[in-house]
């Protein structure tokens, strides 16, 4: 699933929690902390916590690694691959 909605990623993802949790897709998404904060429906932490709490990994295409909670405050703009932790990507 690819999500590119110019700052409304949190609205799309968190507004569709049930579908994401039921189907557990791999998601390709842009991330921009400022745009999410300005939109205001959710915080960047809401988005990270949703995935973390539901056993998804967020892989940073910019930093080439899985984002840990301690890394998250320093992530401002990125392209993410979000996947259930039990799914391997080749």
PDB file of N, CA and C in Angstrom:
ATOM      1  N   UNK A   1       0.853  -1.157   0.000  1.00  0.00           N
ATOM      2  CA  UNK A   1       0.000   0.000   0.000  1.00  0.00           C
ATOM      3  C   UNK A   1       0.905   1.228   0.000  1.00  0.00           C
ATOM      4  N   UNK A   2       0.640   2.190  -0.870  1.00  0.00           N
ATOM      5  CA  UNK A   2       1.406   3.427  -0.907  1.00  0.00           C
ATOM      6  C   UNK A   2       0.503   4.577  -0.487  1.00  0.00           C
ATOM      7  N   UNK A   3       1.033   5.397   0.426  1.00  0.00           N
ATOM      8  CA  UNK A   3       0.288   6.562   0.907  1.00  0.00           C
ATOM      9  C   UNK A   3       1.139   7.801   0.655  1.00  0.00           C
ATOM     10  N   UNK A   4       0.614   8.727  -0.125  1.00  0.00           N
ATOM     11  CA  UNK A   4       1.307   9.982  -0.415  1.00  0.00           C
ATOM     12  C   UNK A   4       0.243  11.072  -0.489  1.00  0.00           C
ATOM     13  N   UNK A   5      -0.022  11.677   0.663  1.00  0.00           N
ATOM     14  CA  UNK A   5      -1.120  12.639   0.743  1.00  0.00           C
ATOM     15  C   UNK A   5      -0.678  13.977   1.365  1.00  0.00           C
ATOM     16  N   UNK A   6       0.591  14.318   1.139  1.00  0.00           N
ATOM     17  CA  UNK A   6       1.130  15.642   1.478  1.00  0.00           C
ATOM     18  C   UNK A   6       0.759  16.138   2.871  1.00  0.00           C
ATOM     19  N   UNK A   7       1.187  15.408   3.889  1.00  0.00           N
ATOM     20  CA  UNK A   7       0.991  15.842   5.268  1.00  0.00           C
ATOM     21  C   UNK A   7      -0.207  15.248   5.971  1.00  0.00           C
ATOM     22  N   UNK A   8      -1.037  14.532   5.237  1.00  0.00           N
ATOM     23  CA  UNK A   8      -2.218  13.925   5.839  1.00  0.00           C
ATOM     24  C   UNK A   8      -2.028  12.421   6.087  1.00  0.00           C
ATOM     25  N   UNK A   9      -0.775  11.964   6.066  1.00  0.00           N
ATOM     26  CA  UNK A   9      -0.497  10.543   6.265  1.00  0.00           C
ATOM     27  C   UNK A   9      -1.066  10.035   7.590  1.00  0.00           C
ATOM     28  N   UNK A  10      -0.888  10.793   8.654  1.00  0.00           N
ATOM     29  CA  UNK A  10      -1.404  10.360   9.962  1.00  0.00           C
ATOM     30  C   UNK A  10      -2.925  10.253   9.943  1.00  0.00           C
ATOM     31  N   UNK A  11      -3.588  11.171   9.272  1.00  0.00           N
ATOM     32  CA  UNK A  11      -5.053  11.143   9.181  1.00  0.00           C
ATOM     33  C   UNK A  11      -5.498   9.880   8.433  1.00  0.00           C
ATOM     34  N   UNK A  12      -4.844   9.586   7.321  1.00  0.00           N
ATOM     35  CA  UNK A  12      -5.211   8.407   6.528  1.00  0.00           C
ATOM     36  C   UNK A  12      -4.924   7.127   7.307  1.00  0.00           C
ATOM     37  N   UNK A  13      -3.740   7.042   7.892  1.00  0.00           N
ATOM     38  CA  UNK A  13      -3.346   5.814   8.598  1.00  0.00           C
ATOM     39  C   UNK A  13      -4.175   5.623   9.863  1.00  0.00           C
ATOM     40  N   UNK A  14      -4.221   6.614  10.719  1.00  0.00           N
ATOM     41  CA  UNK A  14      -4.920   6.452  12.001  1.00  0.00           C
ATOM     42  C   UNK A  14      -6.431   6.457  11.832  1.00  0.00           C
ATOM     43  N   UNK A  15      -6.912   7.033  10.758  1.00  0.00           N
ATOM     44  CA  UNK A  15      -8.336   6.967  10.458  1.00  0.00           C
ATOM     45  C   UNK A  15      -8.767   5.618   9.913  1.00  0.00           C
ATOM     46  N   UNK A  16      -7.797   4.787   9.568  1.00  0.00           N
ATOM     47  CA  UNK A  16      -8.074   3.455   9.019  1.00  0.00           C
ATOM     48  C   UNK A  16      -7.390   2.367   9.832  1.00  0.00           C
ATOM     49  N   UNK A  17      -7.280   2.581  11.138  1.00  0.00           N
ATOM     50  CA  UNK A  17      -6.594   1.631  12.022  1.00  0.00           C
ATOM     51  C   UNK A  17      -7.130   0.212  11.886  1.00  0.00           C
ATOM     52  N   UNK A  18      -8.450   0.079  11.888  1.00  0.00           N
ATOM     53  CA  UNK A  18      -9.050  -1.255  11.865  1.00  0.00           C
ATOM     54  C   UNK A  18      -8.662  -2.017  10.607  1.00  0.00           C
ATOM     55  N   UNK A  19      -8.668  -1.350   9.471  1.00  0.00           N
ATOM     56  CA  UNK A  19      -8.299  -1.991   8.201  1.00  0.00           C
ATOM     57  C   UNK A  19      -6.827  -2.393   8.229  1.00  0.00           C
ATOM     58  N   UNK A  20      -5.979  -1.500   8.722  1.00  0.00           N
ATOM     59  CA  UNK A  20      -4.545  -1.794   8.782  1.00  0.00           C
ATOM     60  C   UNK A  20      -4.275  -2.958   9.729  1.00  0.00           C
ATOM     61  N   UNK A  21      -4.923  -2.962  10.878  1.00  0.00           N
ATOM     62  CA  UNK A  21      -4.697  -4.047  11.836  1.00  0.00           C
ATOM     63  C   UNK A  21      -5.244  -5.380  11.331  1.00  0.00           C
ATOM     64  N   UNK A  22      -6.355  -5.341  10.614  1.00  0.00           N
ATOM     65  CA  UNK A  22      -6.939  -6.585  10.079  1.00  0.00           C
ATOM     66  C   UNK A  22      -6.077  -7.159   8.957  1.00  0.00           C
ATOM     67  N   UNK A  23      -5.604  -6.309   8.046  1.00  0.00           N
ATOM     68  CA  UNK A  23      -4.894  -6.776   6.851  1.00  0.00           C
ATOM     69  C   UNK A  23      -3.371  -6.768   6.987  1.00  0.00           C
ATOM     70  N   UNK A  24      -2.832  -5.970   7.913  1.00  0.00           N
ATOM     71  CA  UNK A  24      -1.393  -5.881   8.203  1.00  0.00           C
ATOM     72  C   UNK A  24      -0.562  -5.745   6.925  1.00  0.00           C
ATOM     73  N   UNK A  25      -0.839  -4.713   6.129  1.00  0.00           N
ATOM     74  CA  UNK A  25      -0.102  -4.531   4.872  1.00  0.00           C
ATOM     75  C   UNK A  25       1.298  -3.961   5.106  1.00  0.00           C
ATOM     76  N   UNK A  26       2.135  -4.086   4.096  1.00  0.00           N
ATOM     77  CA  UNK A  26       3.371  -3.310   4.037  1.00  0.00           C
ATOM     78  C   UNK A  26       2.967  -1.957   3.463  1.00  0.00           C
ATOM     79  N   UNK A  27       3.412  -0.884   4.098  1.00  0.00           N
ATOM     80  CA  UNK A  27       3.000   0.461   3.718  1.00  0.00           C
ATOM     81  C   UNK A  27       4.231   1.265   3.318  1.00  0.00           C
ATOM     82  N   UNK A  28       4.150   1.924   2.182  1.00  0.00           N
ATOM     83  CA  UNK A  28       5.168   2.868   1.745  1.00  0.00           C
ATOM     84  C   UNK A  28       4.568   4.254   1.947  1.00  0.00           C
ATOM     85  N   UNK A  29       5.267   5.095   2.715  1.00  0.00           N
ATOM     86  CA  UNK A  29       4.693   6.393   3.044  1.00  0.00           C
ATOM     87  C   UNK A  29       5.770   7.447   3.212  1.00  0.00           C
ATOM     88  N   UNK A  30       5.439   8.664   2.808  1.00  0.00           N
ATOM     89  CA  UNK A  30       6.278   9.802   3.153  1.00  0.00           C
ATOM     90  C   UNK A  30       5.996  10.167   4.603  1.00  0.00           C
ATOM     91  N   UNK A  31       6.938  10.851   5.214  1.00  0.00           N
ATOM     92  CA  UNK A  31       6.751  11.332   6.582  1.00  0.00           C
ATOM     93  C   UNK A  31       7.349  12.719   6.668  1.00  0.00           C
ATOM     94  N   UNK A  32       6.589  13.653   7.189  1.00  0.00           N
ATOM     95  CA  UNK A  32       7.077  15.008   7.428  1.00  0.00           C
ATOM     96  C   UNK A  32       6.516  15.478   8.761  1.00  0.00           C
ATOM     97  N   UNK A  33       7.371  15.553   9.763  1.00  0.00           N
ATOM     98  CA  UNK A  33       6.958  15.921  11.126  1.00  0.00           C
ATOM     99  C   UNK A  33       6.219  17.262  11.147  1.00  0.00           C
ATOM    100  N   UNK A  34       6.728  18.253  10.447  1.00  0.00           N
ATOM    101  CA  UNK A  34       6.110  19.577  10.464  1.00  0.00           C
ATOM    102  C   UNK A  34       4.713  19.550   9.861  1.00  0.00           C
ATOM    103  N   UNK A  35       4.539  18.888   8.721  1.00  0.00           N
ATOM    104  CA  UNK A  35       3.226  18.840   8.079  1.00  0.00           C
ATOM    105  C   UNK A  35       2.209  18.133   8.961  1.00  0.00           C
ATOM    106  N   UNK A  36       2.621  17.027   9.582  1.00  0.00           N
ATOM    107  CA  UNK A  36       1.695  16.307  10.463  1.00  0.00           C
ATOM    108  C   UNK A  36       1.320  17.187  11.652  1.00  0.00           C
ATOM    109  N   UNK A  37       2.300  17.874  12.218  1.00  0.00           N
ATOM    110  CA  UNK A  37       2.035  18.761  13.357  1.00  0.00           C
ATOM    111  C   UNK A  37       1.112  19.903  12.959  1.00  0.00           C
ATOM    112  N   UNK A  38       1.337  20.488  11.800  1.00  0.00           N
ATOM    113  CA  UNK A  38       0.508  21.608  11.343  1.00  0.00           C
ATOM    114  C   UNK A  38      -0.916  21.166  11.034  1.00  0.00           C
ATOM    115  N   UNK A  39      -1.079  19.967  10.473  1.00  0.00           N
ATOM    116  CA  UNK A  39      -2.428  19.472  10.164  1.00  0.00           C
ATOM    117  C   UNK A  39      -3.235  19.352  11.449  1.00  0.00           C
ATOM    118  N   UNK A  40      -2.631  18.827  12.515  1.00  0.00           N
ATOM    119  CA  UNK A  40      -3.197  18.909  13.845  1.00  0.00           C
ATOM    120  C   UNK A  40      -4.153  17.847  14.336  1.00  0.00           C
ATOM    121  N   UNK A  41      -4.631  16.957  13.474  1.00  0.00           N
ATOM    122  CA  UNK A  41      -5.552  15.916  13.958  1.00  0.00           C
ATOM    123  C   UNK A  41      -4.848  14.915  14.857  1.00  0.00           C
ATOM    124  N   UNK A  42      -3.603  14.616  14.533  1.00  0.00           N
ATOM    125  CA  UNK A  42      -2.787  13.669  15.289  1.00  0.00           C
ATOM    126  C   UNK A  42      -1.386  14.243  15.418  1.00  0.00           C
ATOM    127  N   UNK A  43      -0.633  13.715  16.372  1.00  0.00           N
ATOM    128  CA  UNK A  43       0.760  14.130  16.518  1.00  0.00           C
ATOM    129  C   UNK A  43       1.661  13.096  15.839  1.00  0.00           C
ATOM    130  N   UNK A  44       2.898  13.471  15.530  1.00  0.00           N
ATOM    131  CA  UNK A  44       3.840  12.481  15.026  1.00  0.00           C
ATOM    132  C   UNK A  44       3.991  11.296  15.991  1.00  0.00           C
ATOM    133  N   UNK A  45       3.965  11.560  17.299  1.00  0.00           N
ATOM    134  CA  UNK A  45       4.061  10.475  18.279  1.00  0.00           C
ATOM    135  C   UNK A  45       2.874   9.521  18.193  1.00  0.00           C
ATOM    136  N   UNK A  46       1.681  10.042  17.914  1.00  0.00           N
ATOM    137  CA  UNK A  46       0.513   9.168  17.736  1.00  0.00           C
ATOM    138  C   UNK A  46       0.769   8.149  16.625  1.00  0.00           C
ATOM    139  N   UNK A  47       1.347   8.634  15.542  1.00  0.00           N
ATOM    140  CA  UNK A  47       1.618   7.768  14.396  1.00  0.00           C
ATOM    141  C   UNK A  47       2.666   6.714  14.747  1.00  0.00           C
ATOM    142  N   UNK A  48       3.779   7.141  15.328  1.00  0.00           N
ATOM    143  CA  UNK A  48       4.829   6.192  15.708  1.00  0.00           C
ATOM    144  C   UNK A  48       4.299   5.175  16.709  1.00  0.00           C
ATOM    145  N   UNK A  49       3.592   5.639  17.726  1.00  0.00           N
ATOM    146  CA  UNK A  49       3.090   4.738  18.769  1.00  0.00           C
ATOM    147  C   UNK A  49       2.096   3.721  18.227  1.00  0.00           C
ATOM    148  N   UNK A  50       1.256   4.127  17.276  1.00  0.00           N
ATOM    149  CA  UNK A  50       0.317   3.178  16.674  1.00  0.00           C
ATOM    150  C   UNK A  50       1.081   1.996  16.071  1.00  0.00           C
ATOM    151  N   UNK A  51       2.092   2.293  15.279  1.00  0.00           N
ATOM    152  CA  UNK A  51       2.844   1.204  14.653  1.00  0.00           C
ATOM    153  C   UNK A  51       3.644   0.413  15.682  1.00  0.00           C
ATOM    154  N   UNK A  52       4.297   1.093  16.578  1.00  0.00           N
ATOM    155  CA  UNK A  52       5.104   0.418  17.592  1.00  0.00           C
ATOM    156  C   UNK A  52       4.235  -0.480  18.477  1.00  0.00           C
ATOM    157  N   UNK A  53       3.111   0.030  18.936  1.00  0.00           N
ATOM    158  CA  UNK A  53       2.216  -0.722  19.820  1.00  0.00           C
ATOM    159  C   UNK A  53       1.592  -1.935  19.139  1.00  0.00           C
ATOM    160  N   UNK A  54       1.482  -1.883  17.812  1.00  0.00           N
ATOM    161  CA  UNK A  54       0.830  -2.966  17.064  1.00  0.00           C
ATOM    162  C   UNK A  54       1.818  -3.843  16.294  1.00  0.00           C
ATOM    163  N   UNK A  55       3.071  -3.798  16.738  1.00  0.00           N
ATOM    164  CA  UNK A  55       4.114  -4.690  16.230  1.00  0.00           C
ATOM    165  C   UNK A  55       4.405  -4.527  14.736  1.00  0.00           C
ATOM    166  N   UNK A  56       4.543  -3.256  14.339  1.00  0.00           N
ATOM    167  CA  UNK A  56       5.034  -2.908  13.016  1.00  0.00           C
ATOM    168  C   UNK A  56       6.412  -2.276  13.192  1.00  0.00           C
ATOM    169  N   UNK A  57       7.280  -2.441  12.205  1.00  0.00           N
ATOM    170  CA  UNK A  57       8.561  -1.749  12.168  1.00  0.00           C
ATOM    171  C   UNK A  57       8.479  -0.628  11.149  1.00  0.00           C
ATOM    172  N   UNK A  58       9.135   0.474  11.454  1.00  0.00           N
ATOM    173  CA  UNK A  58       9.233   1.584  10.509  1.00  0.00           C
ATOM    174  C   UNK A  58      10.686   1.630  10.042  1.00  0.00           C
ATOM    175  N   UNK A  59      10.874   1.367   8.758  1.00  0.00           N
ATOM    176  CA  UNK A  59      12.207   1.394   8.179  1.00  0.00           C
ATOM    177  C   UNK A  59      12.398   2.727   7.466  1.00  0.00           C
ATOM    178  N   UNK A  60      13.468   3.418   7.820  1.00  0.00           N
ATOM    179  CA  UNK A  60      13.789   4.700   7.212  1.00  0.00           C
ATOM    180  C   UNK A  60      14.586   4.493   5.936  1.00  0.00           C
ATOM    181  N   UNK A  61      14.079   4.988   4.829  1.00  0.00           N
ATOM    182  CA  UNK A  61      14.821   4.928   3.568  1.00  0.00           C
ATOM    183  C   UNK A  61      15.928   5.968   3.562  1.00  0.00           C
ATOM    184  N   UNK A  62      15.792   7.033   4.329  1.00  0.00           N
ATOM    185  CA  UNK A  62      16.819   8.073   4.410  1.00  0.00           C
ATOM    186  C   UNK A  62      18.002   7.599   5.250  1.00  0.00           C
ATOM    187  N   UNK A  63      17.723   6.971   6.393  1.00  0.00           N
ATOM    188  CA  UNK A  63      18.771   6.552   7.326  1.00  0.00           C
ATOM    189  C   UNK A  63      19.169   5.081   7.166  1.00  0.00           C
ATOM    190  N   UNK A  64      18.450   4.356   6.302  1.00  0.00           N
ATOM    191  CA  UNK A  64      18.728   2.935   6.040  1.00  0.00           C
ATOM    192  C   UNK A  64      18.755   2.086   7.300  1.00  0.00           C
ATOM    193  N   UNK A  65      17.744   2.267   8.135  1.00  0.00           N
ATOM    194  CA  UNK A  65      17.636   1.447   9.345  1.00  0.00           C
ATOM    195  C   UNK A  65      16.216   1.500   9.884  1.00  0.00           C
ATOM    196  N   UNK A  66      15.906   0.564  10.769  1.00  0.00           N
ATOM    197  CA  UNK A  66      14.624   0.573  11.468  1.00  0.00           C
ATOM    198  C   UNK A  66      14.690   1.694  12.504  1.00  0.00           C
ATOM    199  N   UNK A  67      13.636   2.489  12.576  1.00  0.00           N
ATOM    200  CA  UNK A  67      13.584   3.601  13.520  1.00  0.00           C
ATOM    201  C   UNK A  67      13.158   3.082  14.887  1.00  0.00           C
ATOM    202  N   UNK A  68      13.969   3.346  15.873  1.00  0.00           N
ATOM    203  CA  UNK A  68      13.661   3.003  17.260  1.00  0.00           C
ATOM    204  C   UNK A  68      13.013   4.215  17.927  1.00  0.00           C
ATOM    205  N   UNK A  69      12.331   3.977  19.031  1.00  0.00           N
ATOM    206  CA  UNK A  69      11.670   5.073  19.746  1.00  0.00           C
ATOM    207  C   UNK A  69      12.669   6.183  20.104  1.00  0.00           C
ATOM    208  N   UNK A  70      13.892   5.813  20.471  1.00  0.00           N
ATOM    209  CA  UNK A  70      14.902   6.813  20.829  1.00  0.00           C
ATOM    210  C   UNK A  70      15.352   7.643  19.626  1.00  0.00           C
ATOM    211  N   UNK A  71      15.227   7.095  18.401  1.00  0.00           N
ATOM    212  CA  UNK A  71      15.594   7.824  17.185  1.00  0.00           C
ATOM    213  C   UNK A  71      14.512   8.800  16.741  1.00  0.00           C
ATOM    214  N   UNK A  72      13.276   8.490  17.079  1.00  0.00           N
ATOM    215  CA  UNK A  72      12.126   9.162  16.472  1.00  0.00           C
ATOM    216  C   UNK A  72      12.108  10.687  16.632  1.00  0.00           C
ATOM    217  N   UNK A  73      12.488  11.261  17.789  1.00  0.00           N
ATOM    218  CA  UNK A  73      12.465  12.728  17.887  1.00  0.00           C
ATOM    219  C   UNK A  73      13.372  13.429  16.876  1.00  0.00           C
ATOM    220  N   UNK A  74      14.344  12.710  16.314  1.00  0.00           N
ATOM    221  CA  UNK A  74      15.281  13.308  15.366  1.00  0.00           C
ATOM    222  C   UNK A  74      14.938  13.018  13.908  1.00  0.00           C
ATOM    223  N   UNK A  75      13.777  12.443  13.666  1.00  0.00           N
ATOM    224  CA  UNK A  75      13.334  12.169  12.300  1.00  0.00           C
ATOM    225  C   UNK A  75      12.355  13.271  11.907  1.00  0.00           C
ATOM    226  N   UNK A  76      12.731  14.043  10.869  1.00  0.00           N
ATOM    227  CA  UNK A  76      11.905  15.177  10.465  1.00  0.00           C
ATOM    228  C   UNK A  76      11.224  14.954   9.115  1.00  0.00           C
ATOM    229  N   UNK A  77      11.957  14.494   8.139  1.00  0.00           N
ATOM    230  CA  UNK A  77      11.394  14.149   6.834  1.00  0.00           C
ATOM    231  C   UNK A  77      12.005  12.823   6.416  1.00  0.00           C
ATOM    232  N   UNK A  78      11.182  11.963   5.844  1.00  0.00           N
ATOM    233  CA  UNK A  78      11.693  10.638   5.515  1.00  0.00           C
ATOM    234  C   UNK A  78      10.736   9.957   4.544  1.00  0.00           C
ATOM    235  N   UNK A  79      11.195   8.876   3.990  1.00  0.00           N
ATOM    236  CA  UNK A  79      10.360   7.934   3.251  1.00  0.00           C
ATOM    237  C   UNK A  79      10.417   6.640   4.025  1.00  0.00           C
ATOM    238  N   UNK A  80       9.266   6.134   4.372  1.00  0.00           N
ATOM    239  CA  UNK A  80       9.183   4.972   5.248  1.00  0.00           C
ATOM    240  C   UNK A  80       8.677   3.747   4.511  1.00  0.00           C
ATOM    241  N   UNK A  81       9.188   2.602   4.957  1.00  0.00           N
ATOM    242  CA  UNK A  81       8.575   1.316   4.656  1.00  0.00           C
ATOM    243  C   UNK A  81       8.124   0.788   6.012  1.00  0.00           C
ATOM    244  N   UNK A  82       6.838   0.603   6.165  1.00  0.00           N
ATOM    245  CA  UNK A  82       6.260   0.165   7.439  1.00  0.00           C
ATOM    246  C   UNK A  82       5.749  -1.258   7.220  1.00  0.00           C
ATOM    247  N   UNK A  83       6.221  -2.169   8.068  1.00  0.00           N
ATOM    248  CA  UNK A  83       5.834  -3.565   7.860  1.00  0.00           C
ATOM    249  C   UNK A  83       5.608  -4.257   9.188  1.00  0.00           C
ATOM    250  N   UNK A  84       4.737  -5.259   9.194  1.00  0.00           N
ATOM    251  CA  UNK A  84       4.610  -6.086  10.396  1.00  0.00           C
ATOM    252  C   UNK A  84       5.965  -6.711  10.718  1.00  0.00           C
ATOM    253  N   UNK A  85       6.293  -6.828  12.001  1.00  0.00           N
ATOM    254  CA  UNK A  85       7.629  -7.305  12.360  1.00  0.00           C
ATOM    255  C   UNK A  85       7.922  -8.722  11.887  1.00  0.00           C
ATOM    256  N   UNK A  86       6.895  -9.505  11.634  1.00  0.00           N
ATOM    257  CA  UNK A  86       7.122 -10.884  11.195  1.00  0.00           C
ATOM    258  C   UNK A  86       7.223 -11.030   9.680  1.00  0.00           C
ATOM    259  N   UNK A  87       7.183  -9.944   8.934  1.00  0.00           N
ATOM    260  CA  UNK A  87       7.272  -9.976   7.476  1.00  0.00           C
ATOM    261  C   UNK A  87       8.699  -9.626   7.051  1.00  0.00           C
ATOM    262  N   UNK A  88       9.287 -10.471   6.218  1.00  0.00           N
ATOM    263  CA  UNK A  88      10.621 -10.217   5.679  1.00  0.00           C
ATOM    264  C   UNK A  88      10.486  -9.590   4.298  1.00  0.00           C
ATOM    265  N   UNK A  89      11.295  -8.574   4.035  1.00  0.00           N
ATOM    266  CA  UNK A  89      11.334  -7.961   2.713  1.00  0.00           C
ATOM    267  C   UNK A  89      12.605  -8.412   2.013  1.00  0.00           C
ATOM    268  N   UNK A  90      12.490  -8.745   0.762  1.00  0.00           N
ATOM    269  CA  UNK A  90      13.676  -9.172  -0.003  1.00  0.00           C
ATOM    270  C   UNK A  90      14.121  -8.079  -0.930  1.00  0.00           C
TER     271      UNK A  90
END
